[in-house]
Amino acid sequence: MPSKEYIRPLVEKRIDDRLKNGMVEETRDLLERGVSPEWLRGLGLEYFWNVELIEGRINVEKYRAGLLTKTMQYAKRQRTWFKKEKNTHFLDNPATFWTETEKLVREFVEK
């Protein structure tokens, strides 16, 4: 199971990539088209924090910190859920990802 230390830089990169690709602008456009802020907040983490930023409730620093914290909490809930799943395989080593994947697929197909 991937550790918090492994996941955190991946989450940070995802947030940075989404910001560079216009995540906030997308939300702003939806608001300008008449989509309700309350409805957007209900869609999930990113939209919630985007609306907070756009409406001026928080600054950029609090936005990024809040989004990171809440996303990491969500990832923790996912890890907790997966711990209960008996047939879950975690492939978190990039060096062996493809060989491990191939091995697992072959084992599954051969059953």
PDB file of N, CA and C in Angstrom:
ATOM      1  N   MET A   1       0.859  -1.175   0.000  1.00  0.00           N
ATOM      2  CA  MET A   1       0.000   0.000   0.000  1.00  0.00           C
ATOM      3  C   MET A   1       0.901   1.232   0.000  1.00  0.00           C
ATOM      4  N   PRO A   2       0.648   2.155  -0.906  1.00  0.00           N
ATOM      5  CA  PRO A   2       1.475   3.366  -0.948  1.00  0.00           C
ATOM      6  C   PRO A   2       1.356   4.182   0.335  1.00  0.00           C
ATOM      7  N   SER A   3       2.480   4.655   0.808  1.00  0.00           N
ATOM      8  CA  SER A   3       2.496   5.450   2.033  1.00  0.00           C
ATOM      9  C   SER A   3       2.085   6.888   1.753  1.00  0.00           C
ATOM     10  N   LYS A   4       1.800   7.599   2.832  1.00  0.00           N
ATOM     11  CA  LYS A   4       1.472   9.024   2.726  1.00  0.00           C
ATOM     12  C   LYS A   4       2.637   9.783   2.098  1.00  0.00           C
ATOM     13  N   GLU A   5       3.851   9.399   2.465  1.00  0.00           N
ATOM     14  CA  GLU A   5       5.040  10.069   1.937  1.00  0.00           C
ATOM     15  C   GLU A   5       5.190   9.844   0.430  1.00  0.00           C
ATOM     16  N   TYR A   6       4.743   8.697  -0.043  1.00  0.00           N
ATOM     17  CA  TYR A   6       4.788   8.405  -1.471  1.00  0.00           C
ATOM     18  C   TYR A   6       3.702   9.188  -2.219  1.00  0.00           C
ATOM     19  N   ILE A   7       2.529   9.258  -1.609  1.00  0.00           N
ATOM     20  CA  ILE A   7       1.370   9.861  -2.269  1.00  0.00           C
ATOM     21  C   ILE A   7       1.439  11.387  -2.304  1.00  0.00           C
ATOM     22  N   ARG A   8       1.928  12.006  -1.256  1.00  0.00           N
ATOM     23  CA  ARG A   8       1.896  13.470  -1.143  1.00  0.00           C
ATOM     24  C   ARG A   8       2.501  14.193  -2.353  1.00  0.00           C
ATOM     25  N   PRO A   9       3.717  13.844  -2.806  1.00  0.00           N
ATOM     26  CA  PRO A   9       4.243  14.559  -3.976  1.00  0.00           C
ATOM     27  C   PRO A   9       3.412  14.326  -5.239  1.00  0.00           C
ATOM     28  N   LEU A  10       2.783  13.166  -5.341  1.00  0.00           N
ATOM     29  CA  LEU A  10       1.919  12.905  -6.492  1.00  0.00           C
ATOM     30  C   LEU A  10       0.676  13.795  -6.447  1.00  0.00           C
ATOM     31  N   VAL A  11       0.117  13.954  -5.247  1.00  0.00           N
ATOM     32  CA  VAL A  11      -1.052  14.822  -5.082  1.00  0.00           C
ATOM     33  C   VAL A  11      -0.665  16.275  -5.371  1.00  0.00           C
ATOM     34  N   GLU A  12       0.484  16.703  -4.863  1.00  0.00           N
ATOM     35  CA  GLU A  12       0.938  18.077  -5.119  1.00  0.00           C
ATOM     36  C   GLU A  12       1.127  18.320  -6.615  1.00  0.00           C
ATOM     37  N   LYS A  13       1.718  17.354  -7.306  1.00  0.00           N
ATOM     38  CA  LYS A  13       1.915  17.495  -8.757  1.00  0.00           C
ATOM     39  C   LYS A  13       0.572  17.553  -9.478  1.00  0.00           C
ATOM     40  N   ARG A  14      -0.361  16.713  -9.059  1.00  0.00           N
ATOM     41  CA  ARG A  14      -1.680  16.721  -9.693  1.00  0.00           C
ATOM     42  C   ARG A  14      -2.364  18.079  -9.518  1.00  0.00           C
ATOM     43  N   ILE A  15      -2.287  18.623  -8.304  1.00  0.00           N
ATOM     44  CA  ILE A  15      -2.879  19.941  -8.060  1.00  0.00           C
ATOM     45  C   ILE A  15      -2.207  20.988  -8.941  1.00  0.00           C
ATOM     46  N   ASP A  16      -0.892  20.993  -8.979  1.00  0.00           N
ATOM     47  CA  ASP A  16      -0.170  21.965  -9.809  1.00  0.00           C
ATOM     48  C   ASP A  16      -0.527  21.813 -11.286  1.00  0.00           C
ATOM     49  N   ASP A  17      -0.594  20.573 -11.761  1.00  0.00           N
ATOM     50  CA  ASP A  17      -0.958  20.336 -13.164  1.00  0.00           C
ATOM     51  C   ASP A  17      -2.366  20.818 -13.461  1.00  0.00           C
ATOM     52  N   ARG A  18      -3.298  20.523 -12.565  1.00  0.00           N
ATOM     53  CA  ARG A  18      -4.687  20.956 -12.770  1.00  0.00           C
ATOM     54  C   ARG A  18      -4.785  22.478 -12.771  1.00  0.00           C
ATOM     55  N   LEU A  19      -4.019  23.130 -11.898  1.00  0.00           N
ATOM     56  CA  LEU A  19      -4.033  24.597 -11.879  1.00  0.00           C
ATOM     57  C   LEU A  19      -3.479  25.159 -13.185  1.00  0.00           C
ATOM     58  N   LYS A  20      -2.380  24.598 -13.664  1.00  0.00           N
ATOM     59  CA  LYS A  20      -1.776  25.057 -14.929  1.00  0.00           C
ATOM     60  C   LYS A  20      -2.710  24.833 -16.110  1.00  0.00           C
ATOM     61  N   ASN A  21      -3.539  23.799 -16.008  1.00  0.00           N
ATOM     62  CA  ASN A  21      -4.441  23.469 -17.107  1.00  0.00           C
ATOM     63  C   ASN A  21      -5.805  24.145 -17.003  1.00  0.00           C
ATOM     64  N   GLY A  22      -5.948  25.114 -16.101  1.00  0.00           N
ATOM     65  CA  GLY A  22      -7.149  25.942 -16.083  1.00  0.00           C
ATOM     66  C   GLY A  22      -8.283  25.490 -15.202  1.00  0.00           C
ATOM     67  N   MET A  23      -7.980  24.771 -14.138  1.00  0.00           N
ATOM     68  CA  MET A  23      -9.027  24.287 -13.243  1.00  0.00           C
ATOM     69  C   MET A  23      -9.865  25.429 -12.664  1.00  0.00           C
ATOM     70  N   VAL A  24      -9.217  26.486 -12.216  1.00  0.00           N
ATOM     71  CA  VAL A  24      -9.953  27.601 -11.613  1.00  0.00           C
ATOM     72  C   VAL A  24     -10.747  28.348 -12.688  1.00  0.00           C
ATOM     73  N   GLU A  25     -10.138  28.529 -13.852  1.00  0.00           N
ATOM     74  CA  GLU A  25     -10.823  29.222 -14.949  1.00  0.00           C
ATOM     75  C   GLU A  25     -12.067  28.455 -15.393  1.00  0.00           C
ATOM     76  N   GLU A  26     -11.983  27.130 -15.400  1.00  0.00           N
ATOM     77  CA  GLU A  26     -13.138  26.301 -15.745  1.00  0.00           C
ATOM     78  C   GLU A  26     -14.284  26.565 -14.772  1.00  0.00           C
ATOM     79  N   THR A  27     -13.968  26.607 -13.492  1.00  0.00           N
ATOM     80  CA  THR A  27     -14.986  26.861 -12.476  1.00  0.00           C
ATOM     81  C   THR A  27     -15.549  28.264 -12.623  1.00  0.00           C
ATOM     82  N   ARG A  28     -14.683  29.227 -12.860  1.00  0.00           N
ATOM     83  CA  ARG A  28     -15.128  30.610 -13.053  1.00  0.00           C
ATOM     84  C   ARG A  28     -16.096  30.684 -14.247  1.00  0.00           C
ATOM     85  N   ASP A  29     -15.766  29.991 -15.325  1.00  0.00           N
ATOM     86  CA  ASP A  29     -16.622  29.972 -16.513  1.00  0.00           C
ATOM     87  C   ASP A  29     -17.989  29.363 -16.186  1.00  0.00           C
ATOM     88  N   LEU A  30     -17.995  28.296 -15.420  1.00  0.00           N
ATOM     89  CA  LEU A  30     -19.274  27.680 -15.036  1.00  0.00           C
ATOM     90  C   LEU A  30     -20.123  28.630 -14.201  1.00  0.00           C
ATOM     91  N   LEU A  31     -19.485  29.333 -13.283  1.00  0.00           N
ATOM     92  CA  LEU A  31     -20.214  30.312 -12.468  1.00  0.00           C
ATOM     93  C   LEU A  31     -20.778  31.425 -13.342  1.00  0.00           C
ATOM     94  N   GLU A  32     -19.987  31.908 -14.302  1.00  0.00           N
ATOM     95  CA  GLU A  32     -20.448  32.974 -15.195  1.00  0.00           C
ATOM     96  C   GLU A  32     -21.602  32.518 -16.071  1.00  0.00           C
ATOM     97  N   ARG A  33     -21.683  31.222 -16.331  1.00  0.00           N
ATOM     98  CA  ARG A  33     -22.774  30.673 -17.147  1.00  0.00           C
ATOM     99  C   ARG A  33     -24.026  30.399 -16.314  1.00  0.00           C
ATOM    100  N   GLY A  34     -23.938  30.684 -15.006  1.00  0.00           N
ATOM    101  CA  GLY A  34     -25.112  30.562 -14.159  1.00  0.00           C
ATOM    102  C   GLY A  34     -25.185  29.314 -13.301  1.00  0.00           C
ATOM    103  N   VAL A  35     -24.131  28.513 -13.307  1.00  0.00           N
ATOM    104  CA  VAL A  35     -24.141  27.332 -12.446  1.00  0.00           C
ATOM    105  C   VAL A  35     -24.042  27.800 -10.994  1.00  0.00           C
ATOM    106  N   SER A  36     -24.838  27.222 -10.149  1.00  0.00           N
ATOM    107  CA  SER A  36     -24.902  27.609  -8.745  1.00  0.00           C
ATOM    108  C   SER A  36     -23.598  27.278  -8.017  1.00  0.00           C
ATOM    109  N   PRO A  37     -23.081  28.237  -7.224  1.00  0.00           N
ATOM    110  CA  PRO A  37     -21.891  27.941  -6.419  1.00  0.00           C
ATOM    111  C   PRO A  37     -22.121  26.784  -5.450  1.00  0.00           C
ATOM    112  N   GLU A  38     -23.315  26.701  -4.898  1.00  0.00           N
ATOM    113  CA  GLU A  38     -23.630  25.621  -3.962  1.00  0.00           C
ATOM    114  C   GLU A  38     -23.563  24.271  -4.661  1.00  0.00           C
ATOM    115  N   TRP A  39     -24.075  24.228  -5.891  1.00  0.00           N
ATOM    116  CA  TRP A  39     -24.045  22.973  -6.651  1.00  0.00           C
ATOM    117  C   TRP A  39     -22.607  22.583  -6.959  1.00  0.00           C
ATOM    118  N   LEU A  40     -21.804  23.570  -7.361  1.00  0.00           N
ATOM    119  CA  LEU A  40     -20.395  23.287  -7.654  1.00  0.00           C
ATOM    120  C   LEU A  40     -19.656  22.804  -6.407  1.00  0.00           C
ATOM    121  N   ARG A  41     -19.913  23.440  -5.276  1.00  0.00           N
ATOM    122  CA  ARG A  41     -19.268  23.003  -4.030  1.00  0.00           C
ATOM    123  C   ARG A  41     -19.589  21.537  -3.738  1.00  0.00           C
ATOM    124  N   GLY A  42     -20.799  21.137  -4.070  1.00  0.00           N
ATOM    125  CA  GLY A  42     -21.222  19.767  -3.816  1.00  0.00           C
ATOM    126  C   GLY A  42     -20.572  18.732  -4.725  1.00  0.00           C
ATOM    127  N   LEU A  43     -19.933  19.175  -5.800  1.00  0.00           N
ATOM    128  CA  LEU A  43     -19.299  18.227  -6.721  1.00  0.00           C
ATOM    129  C   LEU A  43     -18.036  17.601  -6.158  1.00  0.00           C
ATOM    130  N   GLY A  44     -17.395  18.266  -5.235  1.00  0.00           N
ATOM    131  CA  GLY A  44     -16.205  17.659  -4.669  1.00  0.00           C
ATOM    132  C   GLY A  44     -15.130  18.648  -4.316  1.00  0.00           C
ATOM    133  N   LEU A  45     -14.008  18.095  -3.958  1.00  0.00           N
ATOM    134  CA  LEU A  45     -12.899  18.868  -3.409  1.00  0.00           C
ATOM    135  C   LEU A  45     -12.476  20.048  -4.273  1.00  0.00           C
ATOM    136  N   GLU A  46     -12.114  19.784  -5.511  1.00  0.00           N
ATOM    137  CA  GLU A  46     -11.557  20.851  -6.337  1.00  0.00           C
ATOM    138  C   GLU A  46     -12.567  21.970  -6.575  1.00  0.00           C
ATOM    139  N   TYR A  47     -13.788  21.596  -6.936  1.00  0.00           N
ATOM    140  CA  TYR A  47     -14.780  22.639  -7.186  1.00  0.00           C
ATOM    141  C   TYR A  47     -15.090  23.420  -5.920  1.00  0.00           C
ATOM    142  N   PHE A  48     -15.169  22.736  -4.791  1.00  0.00           N
ATOM    143  CA  PHE A  48     -15.423  23.434  -3.534  1.00  0.00           C
ATOM    144  C   PHE A  48     -14.368  24.509  -3.312  1.00  0.00           C
ATOM    145  N   TRP A  49     -13.095  24.132  -3.376  1.00  0.00           N
ATOM    146  CA  TRP A  49     -12.016  25.072  -3.110  1.00  0.00           C
ATOM    147  C   TRP A  49     -11.907  26.133  -4.207  1.00  0.00           C
ATOM    148  N   ASN A  50     -12.222  25.780  -5.447  1.00  0.00           N
ATOM    149  CA  ASN A  50     -12.214  26.768  -6.529  1.00  0.00           C
ATOM    150  C   ASN A  50     -13.229  27.868  -6.263  1.00  0.00           C
ATOM    151  N   VAL A  51     -14.427  27.472  -5.864  1.00  0.00           N
ATOM    152  CA  VAL A  51     -15.471  28.466  -5.573  1.00  0.00           C
ATOM    153  C   VAL A  51     -15.045  29.353  -4.407  1.00  0.00           C
ATOM    154  N   GLU A  52     -14.483  28.760  -3.372  1.00  0.00           N
ATOM    155  CA  GLU A  52     -14.019  29.553  -2.234  1.00  0.00           C
ATOM    156  C   GLU A  52     -13.004  30.609  -2.680  1.00  0.00           C
ATOM    157  N   LEU A  53     -12.082  30.214  -3.540  1.00  0.00           N
ATOM    158  CA  LEU A  53     -11.067  31.143  -4.044  1.00  0.00           C
ATOM    159  C   LEU A  53     -11.704  32.229  -4.914  1.00  0.00           C
ATOM    160  N   ILE A  54     -12.528  31.833  -5.846  1.00  0.00           N
ATOM    161  CA  ILE A  54     -13.147  32.782  -6.779  1.00  0.00           C
ATOM    162  C   ILE A  54     -14.014  33.792  -6.039  1.00  0.00           C
ATOM    163  N   GLU A  55     -14.723  33.341  -5.029  1.00  0.00           N
ATOM    164  CA  GLU A  55     -15.599  34.238  -4.275  1.00  0.00           C
ATOM    165  C   GLU A  55     -14.838  35.073  -3.246  1.00  0.00           C
ATOM    166  N   GLY A  56     -13.520  34.876  -3.147  1.00  0.00           N
ATOM    167  CA  GLY A  56     -12.706  35.694  -2.265  1.00  0.00           C
ATOM    168  C   GLY A  56     -12.758  35.308  -0.805  1.00  0.00           C
ATOM    169  N   ARG A  57     -13.267  34.145  -0.498  1.00  0.00           N
ATOM    170  CA  ARG A  57     -13.330  33.694   0.891  1.00  0.00           C
ATOM    171  C   ARG A  57     -11.951  33.302   1.422  1.00  0.00           C
ATOM    172  N   ILE A  58     -11.064  32.905   0.500  1.00  0.00           N
ATOM    173  CA  ILE A  58      -9.702  32.501   0.870  1.00  0.00           C
ATOM    174  C   ILE A  58      -8.727  33.067  -0.156  1.00  0.00           C
ATOM    175  N   ASN A  59      -7.455  33.171   0.250  1.00  0.00           N
ATOM    176  CA  ASN A  59      -6.426  33.609  -0.694  1.00  0.00           C
ATOM    177  C   ASN A  59      -5.772  32.379  -1.334  1.00  0.00           C
ATOM    178  N   VAL A  60      -4.849  32.604  -2.258  1.00  0.00           N
ATOM    179  CA  VAL A  60      -4.233  31.514  -3.011  1.00  0.00           C
ATOM    180  C   VAL A  60      -3.478  30.552  -2.093  1.00  0.00           C
ATOM    181  N   GLU A  61      -2.800  31.080  -1.076  1.00  0.00           N
ATOM    182  CA  GLU A  61      -2.044  30.216  -0.163  1.00  0.00           C
ATOM    183  C   GLU A  61      -2.969  29.278   0.611  1.00  0.00           C
ATOM    184  N   LYS A  62      -4.061  29.832   1.128  1.00  0.00           N
ATOM    185  CA  LYS A  62      -5.019  29.005   1.861  1.00  0.00           C
ATOM    186  C   LYS A  62      -5.717  28.030   0.920  1.00  0.00           C
ATOM    187  N   TYR A  63      -5.946  28.472  -0.302  1.00  0.00           N
ATOM    188  CA  TYR A  63      -6.570  27.622  -1.313  1.00  0.00           C
ATOM    189  C   TYR A  63      -5.733  26.370  -1.546  1.00  0.00           C
ATOM    190  N   ARG A  64      -4.462  26.564  -1.866  1.00  0.00           N
ATOM    191  CA  ARG A  64      -3.591  25.433  -2.173  1.00  0.00           C
ATOM    192  C   ARG A  64      -3.401  24.536  -0.947  1.00  0.00           C
ATOM    193  N   ALA A  65      -3.190  25.141   0.220  1.00  0.00           N
ATOM    194  CA  ALA A  65      -3.005  24.356   1.445  1.00  0.00           C
ATOM    195  C   ALA A  65      -4.268  23.573   1.784  1.00  0.00           C
ATOM    196  N   GLY A  66      -5.417  24.209   1.666  1.00  0.00           N
ATOM    197  CA  GLY A  66      -6.679  23.536   1.968  1.00  0.00           C
ATOM    198  C   GLY A  66      -6.967  22.409   0.998  1.00  0.00           C
ATOM    199  N   LEU A  67      -6.737  22.660  -0.280  1.00  0.00           N
ATOM    200  CA  LEU A  67      -6.965  21.629  -1.290  1.00  0.00           C
ATOM    201  C   LEU A  67      -6.027  20.446  -1.066  1.00  0.00           C
ATOM    202  N   LEU A  68      -4.776  20.723  -0.750  1.00  0.00           N
ATOM    203  CA  LEU A  68      -3.817  19.653  -0.486  1.00  0.00           C
ATOM    204  C   LEU A  68      -4.221  18.850   0.752  1.00  0.00           C
ATOM    205  N   THR A  69      -4.565  19.526   1.832  1.00  0.00           N
ATOM    206  CA  THR A  69      -4.958  18.842   3.072  1.00  0.00           C
ATOM    207  C   THR A  69      -6.182  17.957   2.845  1.00  0.00           C
ATOM    208  N   LYS A  70      -7.206  18.513   2.231  1.00  0.00           N
ATOM    209  CA  LYS A  70      -8.436  17.752   2.020  1.00  0.00           C
ATOM    210  C   LYS A  70      -8.227  16.593   1.046  1.00  0.00           C
ATOM    211  N   THR A  71      -7.391  16.784   0.046  1.00  0.00           N
ATOM    212  CA  THR A  71      -7.109  15.702  -0.896  1.00  0.00           C
ATOM    213  C   THR A  71      -6.333  14.587  -0.210  1.00  0.00           C
ATOM    214  N   MET A  72      -5.386  14.956   0.649  1.00  0.00           N
ATOM    215  CA  MET A  72      -4.633  13.938   1.386  1.00  0.00           C
ATOM    216  C   MET A  72      -5.563  13.178   2.352  1.00  0.00           C
ATOM    217  N   GLN A  73      -6.511  13.870   2.955  1.00  0.00           N
ATOM    218  CA  GLN A  73      -7.476  13.195   3.829  1.00  0.00           C
ATOM    219  C   GLN A  73      -8.330  12.216   3.020  1.00  0.00           C
ATOM    220  N   TYR A  74      -8.706  12.621   1.820  1.00  0.00           N
ATOM    221  CA  TYR A  74      -9.482  11.747   0.945  1.00  0.00           C
ATOM    222  C   TYR A  74      -8.658  10.515   0.557  1.00  0.00           C
ATOM    223  N   ALA A  75      -7.374  10.731   0.238  1.00  0.00           N
ATOM    224  CA  ALA A  75      -6.492   9.623  -0.114  1.00  0.00           C
ATOM    225  C   ALA A  75      -6.356   8.652   1.066  1.00  0.00           C
ATOM    226  N   LYS A  76      -6.321   9.188   2.272  1.00  0.00           N
ATOM    227  CA  LYS A  76      -6.243   8.320   3.464  1.00  0.00           C
ATOM    228  C   LYS A  76      -7.494   7.455   3.580  1.00  0.00           C
ATOM    229  N   ARG A  77      -8.654   8.051   3.324  1.00  0.00           N
ATOM    230  CA  ARG A  77      -9.897   7.269   3.365  1.00  0.00           C
ATOM    231  C   ARG A  77      -9.874   6.173   2.303  1.00  0.00           C
ATOM    232  N   GLN A  78      -9.315   6.491   1.135  1.00  0.00           N
ATOM    233  CA  GLN A  78      -9.204   5.482   0.086  1.00  0.00           C
ATOM    234  C   GLN A  78      -8.274   4.344   0.515  1.00  0.00           C
ATOM    235  N   ARG A  79      -7.135   4.695   1.113  1.00  0.00           N
ATOM    236  CA  ARG A  79      -6.200   3.663   1.567  1.00  0.00           C
ATOM    237  C   ARG A  79      -6.853   2.780   2.628  1.00  0.00           C
ATOM    238  N   THR A  80      -7.601   3.394   3.532  1.00  0.00           N
ATOM    239  CA  THR A  80      -8.303   2.626   4.567  1.00  0.00           C
ATOM    240  C   THR A  80      -9.293   1.660   3.924  1.00  0.00           C
ATOM    241  N   TRP A  81     -10.023   2.127   2.925  1.00  0.00           N
ATOM    242  CA  TRP A  81     -10.997   1.280   2.243  1.00  0.00           C
ATOM    243  C   TRP A  81     -10.290   0.122   1.541  1.00  0.00           C
ATOM    244  N   PHE A  82      -9.191   0.418   0.854  1.00  0.00           N
ATOM    245  CA  PHE A  82      -8.485  -0.626   0.120  1.00  0.00           C
ATOM    246  C   PHE A  82      -7.856  -1.671   1.038  1.00  0.00           C
ATOM    247  N   LYS A  83      -7.517  -1.288   2.249  1.00  0.00           N
ATOM    248  CA  LYS A  83      -6.955  -2.264   3.194  1.00  0.00           C
ATOM    249  C   LYS A  83      -7.932  -3.408   3.440  1.00  0.00           C
ATOM    250  N   LYS A  84      -9.215  -3.128   3.333  1.00  0.00           N
ATOM    251  CA  LYS A  84     -10.238  -4.138   3.566  1.00  0.00           C
ATOM    252  C   LYS A  84     -10.440  -5.054   2.362  1.00  0.00           C
ATOM    253  N   GLU A  85      -9.976  -4.634   1.216  1.00  0.00           N
ATOM    254  CA  GLU A  85     -10.130  -5.414  -0.006  1.00  0.00           C
ATOM    255  C   GLU A  85      -9.027  -6.458  -0.088  1.00  0.00           C
ATOM    256  N   LYS A  86      -9.399  -7.725  -0.117  1.00  0.00           N
ATOM    257  CA  LYS A  86      -8.418  -8.803  -0.049  1.00  0.00           C
ATOM    258  C   LYS A  86      -7.615  -8.989  -1.336  1.00  0.00           C
ATOM    259  N   ASN A  87      -8.194  -8.719  -2.472  1.00  0.00           N
ATOM    260  CA  ASN A  87      -7.525  -9.004  -3.744  1.00  0.00           C
ATOM    261  C   ASN A  87      -6.930  -7.767  -4.410  1.00  0.00           C
ATOM    262  N   THR A  88      -6.611  -6.778  -3.636  1.00  0.00           N
ATOM    263  CA  THR A  88      -6.036  -5.551  -4.183  1.00  0.00           C
ATOM    264  C   THR A  88      -4.517  -5.682  -4.244  1.00  0.00           C
ATOM    265  N   HIS A  89      -3.960  -5.290  -5.368  1.00  0.00           N
ATOM    266  CA  HIS A  89      -2.502  -5.291  -5.543  1.00  0.00           C
ATOM    267  C   HIS A  89      -2.058  -3.856  -5.776  1.00  0.00           C
ATOM    268  N   PHE A  90      -1.104  -3.407  -5.017  1.00  0.00           N
ATOM    269  CA  PHE A  90      -0.585  -2.057  -5.168  1.00  0.00           C
ATOM    270  C   PHE A  90       0.722  -2.112  -5.934  1.00  0.00           C
ATOM    271  N   LEU A  91       0.762  -1.381  -7.026  1.00  0.00           N
ATOM    272  CA  LEU A  91       1.937  -1.344  -7.896  1.00  0.00           C
ATOM    273  C   LEU A  91       2.498   0.066  -7.853  1.00  0.00           C
ATOM    274  N   ASP A  92       3.233   0.366  -6.812  1.00  0.00           N
ATOM    275  CA  ASP A  92       3.698   1.736  -6.614  1.00  0.00           C
ATOM    276  C   ASP A  92       5.195   1.906  -6.852  1.00  0.00           C
ATOM    277  N   ASN A  93       5.831   0.895  -7.416  1.00  0.00           N
ATOM    278  CA  ASN A  93       7.249   1.020  -7.731  1.00  0.00           C
ATOM    279  C   ASN A  93       7.386   1.221  -9.242  1.00  0.00           C
ATOM    280  N   PRO A  94       7.703   2.436  -9.690  1.00  0.00           N
ATOM    281  CA  PRO A  94       7.782   2.693 -11.130  1.00  0.00           C
ATOM    282  C   PRO A  94       8.782   1.791 -11.858  1.00  0.00           C
ATOM    283  N   ALA A  95       9.821   1.360 -11.167  1.00  0.00           N
ATOM    284  CA  ALA A  95      10.847   0.532 -11.804  1.00  0.00           C
ATOM    285  C   ALA A  95      10.324  -0.856 -12.166  1.00  0.00           C
ATOM    286  N   THR A  96       9.359  -1.360 -11.400  1.00  0.00           N
ATOM    287  CA  THR A  96       8.857  -2.714 -11.653  1.00  0.00           C
ATOM    288  C   THR A  96       7.380  -2.737 -12.042  1.00  0.00           C
ATOM    289  N   PHE A  97       6.802  -1.574 -12.271  1.00  0.00           N
ATOM    290  CA  PHE A  97       5.365  -1.485 -12.517  1.00  0.00           C
ATOM    291  C   PHE A  97       4.913  -2.402 -13.651  1.00  0.00           C
ATOM    292  N   TRP A  98       5.556  -2.304 -14.811  1.00  0.00           N
ATOM    293  CA  TRP A  98       5.089  -3.064 -15.976  1.00  0.00           C
ATOM    294  C   TRP A  98       5.328  -4.555 -15.826  1.00  0.00           C
ATOM    295  N   THR A  99       6.441  -4.964 -15.242  1.00  0.00           N
ATOM    296  CA  THR A  99       6.668  -6.398 -15.059  1.00  0.00           C
ATOM    297  C   THR A  99       5.695  -6.969 -14.025  1.00  0.00           C
ATOM    298  N   GLU A 100       5.430  -6.225 -12.974  1.00  0.00           N
ATOM    299  CA  GLU A 100       4.450  -6.680 -11.981  1.00  0.00           C
ATOM    300  C   GLU A 100       3.054  -6.745 -12.584  1.00  0.00           C
ATOM    301  N   THR A 101       2.711  -5.745 -13.384  1.00  0.00           N
ATOM    302  CA  THR A 101       1.394  -5.732 -14.028  1.00  0.00           C
ATOM    303  C   THR A 101       1.234  -6.939 -14.937  1.00  0.00           C
ATOM    304  N   GLU A 102       2.235  -7.184 -15.761  1.00  0.00           N
ATOM    305  CA  GLU A 102       2.173  -8.328 -16.683  1.00  0.00           C
ATOM    306  C   GLU A 102       2.021  -9.642 -15.911  1.00  0.00           C
ATOM    307  N   LYS A 103       2.780  -9.794 -14.841  1.00  0.00           N
ATOM    308  CA  LYS A 103       2.711 -11.008 -14.022  1.00  0.00           C
ATOM    309  C   LYS A 103       1.308 -11.199 -13.444  1.00  0.00           C
ATOM    310  N   LEU A 104       0.732 -10.135 -12.899  1.00  0.00           N
ATOM    311  CA  LEU A 104      -0.605 -10.231 -12.306  1.00  0.00           C
ATOM    312  C   LEU A 104      -1.668 -10.551 -13.360  1.00  0.00           C
ATOM    313  N   VAL A 105      -1.548  -9.940 -14.524  1.00  0.00           N
ATOM    314  CA  VAL A 105      -2.520 -10.199 -15.597  1.00  0.00           C
ATOM    315  C   VAL A 105      -2.415 -11.651 -16.045  1.00  0.00           C
ATOM    316  N   ARG A 106      -1.187 -12.141 -16.231  1.00  0.00           N
ATOM    317  CA  ARG A 106      -1.000 -13.540 -16.637  1.00  0.00           C
ATOM    318  C   ARG A 106      -1.591 -14.497 -15.595  1.00  0.00           C
ATOM    319  N   GLU A 107      -1.335 -14.223 -14.318  1.00  0.00           N
ATOM    320  CA  GLU A 107      -1.888 -15.072 -13.259  1.00  0.00           C
ATOM    321  C   GLU A 107      -3.417 -15.059 -13.277  1.00  0.00           C
ATOM    322  N   PHE A 108      -3.986 -13.878 -13.510  1.00  0.00           N
ATOM    323  CA  PHE A 108      -5.450 -13.766 -13.545  1.00  0.00           C
ATOM    324  C   PHE A 108      -6.023 -14.535 -14.736  1.00  0.00           C
ATOM    325  N   VAL A 109      -5.409 -14.391 -15.897  1.00  0.00           N
ATOM    326  CA  VAL A 109      -5.913 -15.038 -17.112  1.00  0.00           C
ATOM    327  C   VAL A 109      -5.782 -16.553 -17.007  1.00  0.00           C
ATOM    328  N   GLU A 110      -4.747 -17.026 -16.365  1.00  0.00           N
ATOM    329  CA  GLU A 110      -4.512 -18.459 -16.249  1.00  0.00           C
ATOM    330  C   GLU A 110      -5.450 -19.151 -15.263  1.00  0.00           C
ATOM    331  N   LYS A 111      -6.140 -18.396 -14.448  1.00  0.00           N
ATOM    332  CA  LYS A 111      -7.066 -19.013 -13.464  1.00  0.00           C
ATOM    333  C   LYS A 111      -8.281 -19.594 -14.118  1.00  0.00           C
TER     334      LYS A 111
END
